[in-house]
Amino acid sequence: MSTGFFVSDEFRTNPLSLVPGGSTVKVNYADGSFRLYDKIKKPYAYINAITRKDQNIVSVEVDRKLIWQK
């Protein structure tokens, strides 16, 4: 069973992520865990940035649709 959590606003670094609207992005990790981020305004730019930084990411979904997979 995978475990994960919703990333709350207090941990967000982009001010646009505090504004309502946008997409929900689910980031899946190699250990089976995941993180959910809402209010993502530019999901493809976000995916590009996070997958360059973290080699443990195995897939990313945007609004429940698989967009990126290692």
PDB file of N, CA and C in Angstrom:
ATOM      1  N   MET A   1       0.839  -1.182   0.000  1.00  0.00           N
ATOM      2  CA  MET A   1       0.000   0.000   0.000  1.00  0.00           C
ATOM      3  C   MET A   1       0.886   1.248   0.000  1.00  0.00           C
ATOM      4  N   SER A   2       0.600   2.172  -0.871  1.00  0.00           N
ATOM      5  CA  SER A   2       1.407   3.386  -0.936  1.00  0.00           C
ATOM      6  C   SER A   2       0.954   4.401   0.110  1.00  0.00           C
ATOM      7  N   THR A   3       1.902   5.169   0.578  1.00  0.00           N
ATOM      8  CA  THR A   3       1.605   6.212   1.547  1.00  0.00           C
ATOM      9  C   THR A   3       2.002   7.550   0.962  1.00  0.00           C
ATOM     10  N   GLY A   4       1.268   8.548   1.321  1.00  0.00           N
ATOM     11  CA  GLY A   4       1.580   9.863   0.790  1.00  0.00           C
ATOM     12  C   GLY A   4       0.872  10.935   1.569  1.00  0.00           C
ATOM     13  N   PHE A   5       1.060  12.154   1.102  1.00  0.00           N
ATOM     14  CA  PHE A   5       0.424  13.272   1.782  1.00  0.00           C
ATOM     15  C   PHE A   5       0.221  14.437   0.835  1.00  0.00           C
ATOM     16  N   PHE A   6      -0.693  15.292   1.228  1.00  0.00           N
ATOM     17  CA  PHE A   6      -0.980  16.523   0.525  1.00  0.00           C
ATOM     18  C   PHE A   6      -0.036  17.592   1.060  1.00  0.00           C
ATOM     19  N   VAL A   7       0.669  18.289   0.184  1.00  0.00           N
ATOM     20  CA  VAL A   7       1.613  19.322   0.594  1.00  0.00           C
ATOM     21  C   VAL A   7       0.828  20.610   0.839  1.00  0.00           C
ATOM     22  N   SER A   8       0.843  21.065   2.078  1.00  0.00           N
ATOM     23  CA  SER A   8       0.054  22.241   2.439  1.00  0.00           C
ATOM     24  C   SER A   8       0.717  23.533   1.975  1.00  0.00           C
ATOM     25  N   ASP A   9      -0.067  24.597   1.966  1.00  0.00           N
ATOM     26  CA  ASP A   9       0.387  25.894   1.464  1.00  0.00           C
ATOM     27  C   ASP A   9       1.628  26.416   2.177  1.00  0.00           C
ATOM     28  N   GLU A  10       1.778  26.120   3.440  1.00  0.00           N
ATOM     29  CA  GLU A  10       2.914  26.657   4.190  1.00  0.00           C
ATOM     30  C   GLU A  10       4.261  26.148   3.684  1.00  0.00           C
ATOM     31  N   PHE A  11       4.254  25.048   2.927  1.00  0.00           N
ATOM     32  CA  PHE A  11       5.498  24.484   2.401  1.00  0.00           C
ATOM     33  C   PHE A  11       5.721  24.828   0.932  1.00  0.00           C
ATOM     34  N   ARG A  12       4.859  25.648   0.360  1.00  0.00           N
ATOM     35  CA  ARG A  12       4.947  25.996  -1.054  1.00  0.00           C
ATOM     36  C   ARG A  12       5.892  27.173  -1.239  1.00  0.00           C
ATOM     37  N   THR A  13       6.691  27.148  -2.310  1.00  0.00           N
ATOM     38  CA  THR A  13       7.659  28.217  -2.538  1.00  0.00           C
ATOM     39  C   THR A  13       7.229  29.201  -3.622  1.00  0.00           C
ATOM     40  N   ASN A  14       6.357  28.786  -4.525  1.00  0.00           N
ATOM     41  CA  ASN A  14       5.899  29.666  -5.581  1.00  0.00           C
ATOM     42  C   ASN A  14       4.639  30.399  -5.125  1.00  0.00           C
ATOM     43  N   PRO A  15       4.629  31.732  -5.125  1.00  0.00           N
ATOM     44  CA  PRO A  15       3.447  32.487  -4.699  1.00  0.00           C
ATOM     45  C   PRO A  15       2.189  32.144  -5.501  1.00  0.00           C
ATOM     46  N   LEU A  16       2.344  31.739  -6.763  1.00  0.00           N
ATOM     47  CA  LEU A  16       1.173  31.366  -7.560  1.00  0.00           C
ATOM     48  C   LEU A  16       0.487  30.115  -7.009  1.00  0.00           C
ATOM     49  N   SER A  17       1.218  29.297  -6.280  1.00  0.00           N
ATOM     50  CA  SER A  17       0.636  28.083  -5.701  1.00  0.00           C
ATOM     51  C   SER A  17      -0.281  28.380  -4.522  1.00  0.00           C
ATOM     52  N   LEU A  18      -0.386  29.620  -4.156  1.00  0.00           N
ATOM     53  CA  LEU A  18      -1.298  30.023  -3.083  1.00  0.00           C
ATOM     54  C   LEU A  18      -2.596  30.594  -3.641  1.00  0.00           C
ATOM     55  N   VAL A  19      -2.641  30.812  -4.950  1.00  0.00           N
ATOM     56  CA  VAL A  19      -3.805  31.377  -5.625  1.00  0.00           C
ATOM     57  C   VAL A  19      -4.696  30.241  -6.108  1.00  0.00           C
ATOM     58  N   PRO A  20      -6.004  30.296  -5.843  1.00  0.00           N
ATOM     59  CA  PRO A  20      -6.905  29.233  -6.306  1.00  0.00           C
ATOM     60  C   PRO A  20      -6.843  29.030  -7.818  1.00  0.00           C
ATOM     61  N   GLY A  21      -7.107  27.789  -8.233  1.00  0.00           N
ATOM     62  CA  GLY A  21      -7.113  27.428  -9.643  1.00  0.00           C
ATOM     63  C   GLY A  21      -5.860  26.658 -10.006  1.00  0.00           C
ATOM     64  N   GLY A  22      -5.862  26.092 -11.193  1.00  0.00           N
ATOM     65  CA  GLY A  22      -4.715  25.319 -11.637  1.00  0.00           C
ATOM     66  C   GLY A  22      -4.963  23.832 -11.550  1.00  0.00           C
ATOM     67  N   SER A  23      -3.896  23.072 -11.629  1.00  0.00           N
ATOM     68  CA  SER A  23      -3.968  21.609 -11.663  1.00  0.00           C
ATOM     69  C   SER A  23      -3.506  20.982 -10.359  1.00  0.00           C
ATOM     70  N   THR A  24      -3.876  19.718 -10.202  1.00  0.00           N
ATOM     71  CA  THR A  24      -3.370  18.916  -9.092  1.00  0.00           C
ATOM     72  C   THR A  24      -2.313  17.973  -9.654  1.00  0.00           C
ATOM     73  N   VAL A  25      -1.143  17.988  -9.041  1.00  0.00           N
ATOM     74  CA  VAL A  25      -0.019  17.165  -9.491  1.00  0.00           C
ATOM     75  C   VAL A  25       0.295  16.142  -8.407  1.00  0.00           C
ATOM     76  N   LYS A  26       0.371  14.881  -8.817  1.00  0.00           N
ATOM     77  CA  LYS A  26       0.749  13.789  -7.908  1.00  0.00           C
ATOM     78  C   LYS A  26       2.125  13.301  -8.324  1.00  0.00           C
ATOM     79  N   VAL A  27       3.070  13.351  -7.387  1.00  0.00           N
ATOM     80  CA  VAL A  27       4.444  12.929  -7.636  1.00  0.00           C
ATOM     81  C   VAL A  27       4.649  11.586  -6.934  1.00  0.00           C
ATOM     82  N   ASN A  28       4.980  10.560  -7.707  1.00  0.00           N
ATOM     83  CA  ASN A  28       5.168   9.205  -7.184  1.00  0.00           C
ATOM     84  C   ASN A  28       6.653   8.886  -7.080  1.00  0.00           C
ATOM     85  N   TYR A  29       7.044   8.306  -5.948  1.00  0.00           N
ATOM     86  CA  TYR A  29       8.448   8.018  -5.667  1.00  0.00           C
ATOM     87  C   TYR A  29       8.736   6.522  -5.705  1.00  0.00           C
ATOM     88  N   ALA A  30       9.999   6.178  -5.872  1.00  0.00           N
ATOM     89  CA  ALA A  30      10.443   4.787  -6.002  1.00  0.00           C
ATOM     90  C   ALA A  30      10.083   3.939  -4.783  1.00  0.00           C
ATOM     91  N   ASP A  31      10.016   4.539  -3.605  1.00  0.00           N
ATOM     92  CA  ASP A  31       9.692   3.772  -2.399  1.00  0.00           C
ATOM     93  C   ASP A  31       8.191   3.533  -2.216  1.00  0.00           C
ATOM     94  N   GLY A  32       7.382   3.972  -3.189  1.00  0.00           N
ATOM     95  CA  GLY A  32       5.934   3.773  -3.132  1.00  0.00           C
ATOM     96  C   GLY A  32       5.179   4.938  -2.531  1.00  0.00           C
ATOM     97  N   SER A  33       5.871   5.922  -2.027  1.00  0.00           N
ATOM     98  CA  SER A  33       5.189   7.082  -1.450  1.00  0.00           C
ATOM     99  C   SER A  33       4.831   8.085  -2.548  1.00  0.00           C
ATOM    100  N   PHE A  34       3.981   9.033  -2.197  1.00  0.00           N
ATOM    101  CA  PHE A  34       3.601  10.070  -3.152  1.00  0.00           C
ATOM    102  C   PHE A  34       3.330  11.372  -2.416  1.00  0.00           C
ATOM    103  N   ARG A  35       3.326  12.457  -3.191  1.00  0.00           N
ATOM    104  CA  ARG A  35       2.967  13.780  -2.676  1.00  0.00           C
ATOM    105  C   ARG A  35       1.993  14.416  -3.649  1.00  0.00           C
ATOM    106  N   LEU A  36       0.989  15.075  -3.108  1.00  0.00           N
ATOM    107  CA  LEU A  36      -0.012  15.769  -3.911  1.00  0.00           C
ATOM    108  C   LEU A  36       0.153  17.271  -3.749  1.00  0.00           C
ATOM    109  N   TYR A  37       0.182  17.962  -4.858  1.00  0.00           N
ATOM    110  CA  TYR A  37       0.277  19.416  -4.875  1.00  0.00           C
ATOM    111  C   TYR A  37      -0.920  19.948  -5.659  1.00  0.00           C
ATOM    112  N   ASP A  38      -1.657  20.895  -5.094  1.00  0.00           N
ATOM    113  CA  ASP A  38      -2.756  21.506  -5.838  1.00  0.00           C
ATOM    114  C   ASP A  38      -2.372  22.922  -6.243  1.00  0.00           C
ATOM    115  N   LYS A  39      -3.211  23.537  -7.035  1.00  0.00           N
ATOM    116  CA  LYS A  39      -3.035  24.924  -7.475  1.00  0.00           C
ATOM    117  C   LYS A  39      -1.747  25.147  -8.276  1.00  0.00           C
ATOM    118  N   ILE A  40      -1.329  24.134  -9.048  1.00  0.00           N
ATOM    119  CA  ILE A  40      -0.138  24.268  -9.888  1.00  0.00           C
ATOM    120  C   ILE A  40      -0.584  24.913 -11.208  1.00  0.00           C
ATOM    121  N   LYS A  41      -0.059  26.090 -11.498  1.00  0.00           N
ATOM    122  CA  LYS A  41      -0.489  26.847 -12.680  1.00  0.00           C
ATOM    123  C   LYS A  41       0.211  26.408 -13.960  1.00  0.00           C
ATOM    124  N   LYS A  42       1.455  25.978 -13.875  1.00  0.00           N
ATOM    125  CA  LYS A  42       2.220  25.534 -15.042  1.00  0.00           C
ATOM    126  C   LYS A  42       2.767  24.139 -14.764  1.00  0.00           C
ATOM    127  N   PRO A  43       1.898  23.120 -14.880  1.00  0.00           N
ATOM    128  CA  PRO A  43       2.316  21.763 -14.479  1.00  0.00           C
ATOM    129  C   PRO A  43       3.497  21.208 -15.260  1.00  0.00           C
ATOM    130  N   TYR A  44       3.619  21.519 -16.541  1.00  0.00           N
ATOM    131  CA  TYR A  44       4.733  20.958 -17.314  1.00  0.00           C
ATOM    132  C   TYR A  44       6.065  21.575 -16.897  1.00  0.00           C
ATOM    133  N   ALA A  45       6.065  22.850 -16.598  1.00  0.00           N
ATOM    134  CA  ALA A  45       7.285  23.499 -16.093  1.00  0.00           C
ATOM    135  C   ALA A  45       7.629  22.929 -14.717  1.00  0.00           C
ATOM    136  N   TYR A  46       6.616  22.693 -13.908  1.00  0.00           N
ATOM    137  CA  TYR A  46       6.823  22.122 -12.576  1.00  0.00           C
ATOM    138  C   TYR A  46       7.436  20.722 -12.676  1.00  0.00           C
ATOM    139  N   ILE A  47       6.879  19.902 -13.562  1.00  0.00           N
ATOM    140  CA  ILE A  47       7.394  18.539 -13.755  1.00  0.00           C
ATOM    141  C   ILE A  47       8.846  18.586 -14.215  1.00  0.00           C
ATOM    142  N   ASN A  48       9.147  19.445 -15.157  1.00  0.00           N
ATOM    143  CA  ASN A  48      10.509  19.575 -15.666  1.00  0.00           C
ATOM    144  C   ASN A  48      11.479  19.936 -14.543  1.00  0.00           C
ATOM    145  N   ALA A  49      11.080  20.843 -13.690  1.00  0.00           N
ATOM    146  CA  ALA A  49      11.951  21.292 -12.595  1.00  0.00           C
ATOM    147  C   ALA A  49      12.163  20.196 -11.548  1.00  0.00           C
ATOM    148  N   ILE A  50      11.090  19.533 -11.114  1.00  0.00           N
ATOM    149  CA  ILE A  50      11.239  18.563 -10.024  1.00  0.00           C
ATOM    150  C   ILE A  50      11.927  17.279 -10.473  1.00  0.00           C
ATOM    151  N   THR A  51      11.706  16.864 -11.722  1.00  0.00           N
ATOM    152  CA  THR A  51      12.336  15.615 -12.167  1.00  0.00           C
ATOM    153  C   THR A  51      13.834  15.796 -12.411  1.00  0.00           C
ATOM    154  N   ARG A  52      14.279  17.003 -12.612  1.00  0.00           N
ATOM    155  CA  ARG A  52      15.723  17.264 -12.725  1.00  0.00           C
ATOM    156  C   ARG A  52      16.401  17.220 -11.366  1.00  0.00           C
ATOM    157  N   LYS A  53      15.675  17.620 -10.329  1.00  0.00           N
ATOM    158  CA  LYS A  53      16.244  17.711  -8.980  1.00  0.00           C
ATOM    159  C   LYS A  53      16.237  16.385  -8.224  1.00  0.00           C
ATOM    160  N   ASP A  54      15.207  15.581  -8.424  1.00  0.00           N
ATOM    161  CA  ASP A  54      14.999  14.399  -7.584  1.00  0.00           C
ATOM    162  C   ASP A  54      14.980  13.129  -8.423  1.00  0.00           C
ATOM    163  N   GLN A  55      16.010  12.329  -8.312  1.00  0.00           N
ATOM    164  CA  GLN A  55      16.130  11.096  -9.091  1.00  0.00           C
ATOM    165  C   GLN A  55      15.253   9.965  -8.567  1.00  0.00           C
ATOM    166  N   ASN A  56      14.614  10.151  -7.421  1.00  0.00           N
ATOM    167  CA  ASN A  56      13.748   9.121  -6.842  1.00  0.00           C
ATOM    168  C   ASN A  56      12.326   9.166  -7.374  1.00  0.00           C
ATOM    169  N   ILE A  57      11.999  10.158  -8.190  1.00  0.00           N
ATOM    170  CA  ILE A  57      10.665  10.274  -8.764  1.00  0.00           C
ATOM    171  C   ILE A  57      10.544   9.259  -9.903  1.00  0.00           C
ATOM    172  N   VAL A  58       9.467   8.469  -9.862  1.00  0.00           N
ATOM    173  CA  VAL A  58       9.259   7.464 -10.910  1.00  0.00           C
ATOM    174  C   VAL A  58       8.146   7.834 -11.877  1.00  0.00           C
ATOM    175  N   SER A  59       7.191   8.659 -11.425  1.00  0.00           N
ATOM    176  CA  SER A  59       6.133   9.102 -12.325  1.00  0.00           C
ATOM    177  C   SER A  59       5.443  10.336 -11.748  1.00  0.00           C
ATOM    178  N   VAL A  60       4.779  11.061 -12.652  1.00  0.00           N
ATOM    179  CA  VAL A  60       4.048  12.261 -12.254  1.00  0.00           C
ATOM    180  C   VAL A  60       2.712  12.265 -12.984  1.00  0.00           C
ATOM    181  N   GLU A  61       1.644  12.527 -12.240  1.00  0.00           N
ATOM    182  CA  GLU A  61       0.303  12.624 -12.806  1.00  0.00           C
ATOM    183  C   GLU A  61      -0.190  14.056 -12.663  1.00  0.00           C
ATOM    184  N   VAL A  62      -0.925  14.512 -13.664  1.00  0.00           N
ATOM    185  CA  VAL A  62      -1.564  15.821 -13.604  1.00  0.00           C
ATOM    186  C   VAL A  62      -3.060  15.589 -13.768  1.00  0.00           C
ATOM    187  N   ASP A  63      -3.818  16.016 -12.775  1.00  0.00           N
ATOM    188  CA  ASP A  63      -5.272  15.823 -12.779  1.00  0.00           C
ATOM    189  C   ASP A  63      -5.639  14.373 -13.105  1.00  0.00           C
ATOM    190  N   ARG A  64      -4.937  13.438 -12.434  1.00  0.00           N
ATOM    191  CA  ARG A  64      -5.157  11.988 -12.514  1.00  0.00           C
ATOM    192  C   ARG A  64      -4.759  11.358 -13.845  1.00  0.00           C
ATOM    193  N   LYS A  65      -4.018  12.079 -14.667  1.00  0.00           N
ATOM    194  CA  LYS A  65      -3.551  11.534 -15.943  1.00  0.00           C
ATOM    195  C   LYS A  65      -2.026  11.435 -15.895  1.00  0.00           C
ATOM    196  N   LEU A  66      -1.500  10.248 -16.230  1.00  0.00           N
ATOM    197  CA  LEU A  66      -0.049  10.051 -16.224  1.00  0.00           C
ATOM    198  C   LEU A  66       0.580  10.925 -17.305  1.00  0.00           C
ATOM    199  N   ILE A  67       1.494  11.776 -16.897  1.00  0.00           N
ATOM    200  CA  ILE A  67       2.149  12.712 -17.802  1.00  0.00           C
ATOM    201  C   ILE A  67       3.615  12.385 -18.011  1.00  0.00           C
ATOM    202  N   TRP A  68       4.284  11.929 -16.966  1.00  0.00           N
ATOM    203  CA  TRP A  68       5.717  11.652 -17.042  1.00  0.00           C
ATOM    204  C   TRP A  68       6.013  10.354 -16.314  1.00  0.00           C
ATOM    205  N   GLN A  69       6.892   9.528 -16.885  1.00  0.00           N
ATOM    206  CA  GLN A  69       7.300   8.275 -16.240  1.00  0.00           C
ATOM    207  C   GLN A  69       8.758   8.036 -16.551  1.00  0.00           C
ATOM    208  N   LYS A  70       9.486   7.601 -15.549  1.00  0.00           N
ATOM    209  CA  LYS A  70      10.928   7.321 -15.691  1.00  0.00           C
ATOM    210  C   LYS A  70      11.139   6.103 -16.556  1.00  0.00           C
TER     211      LYS A  70
END
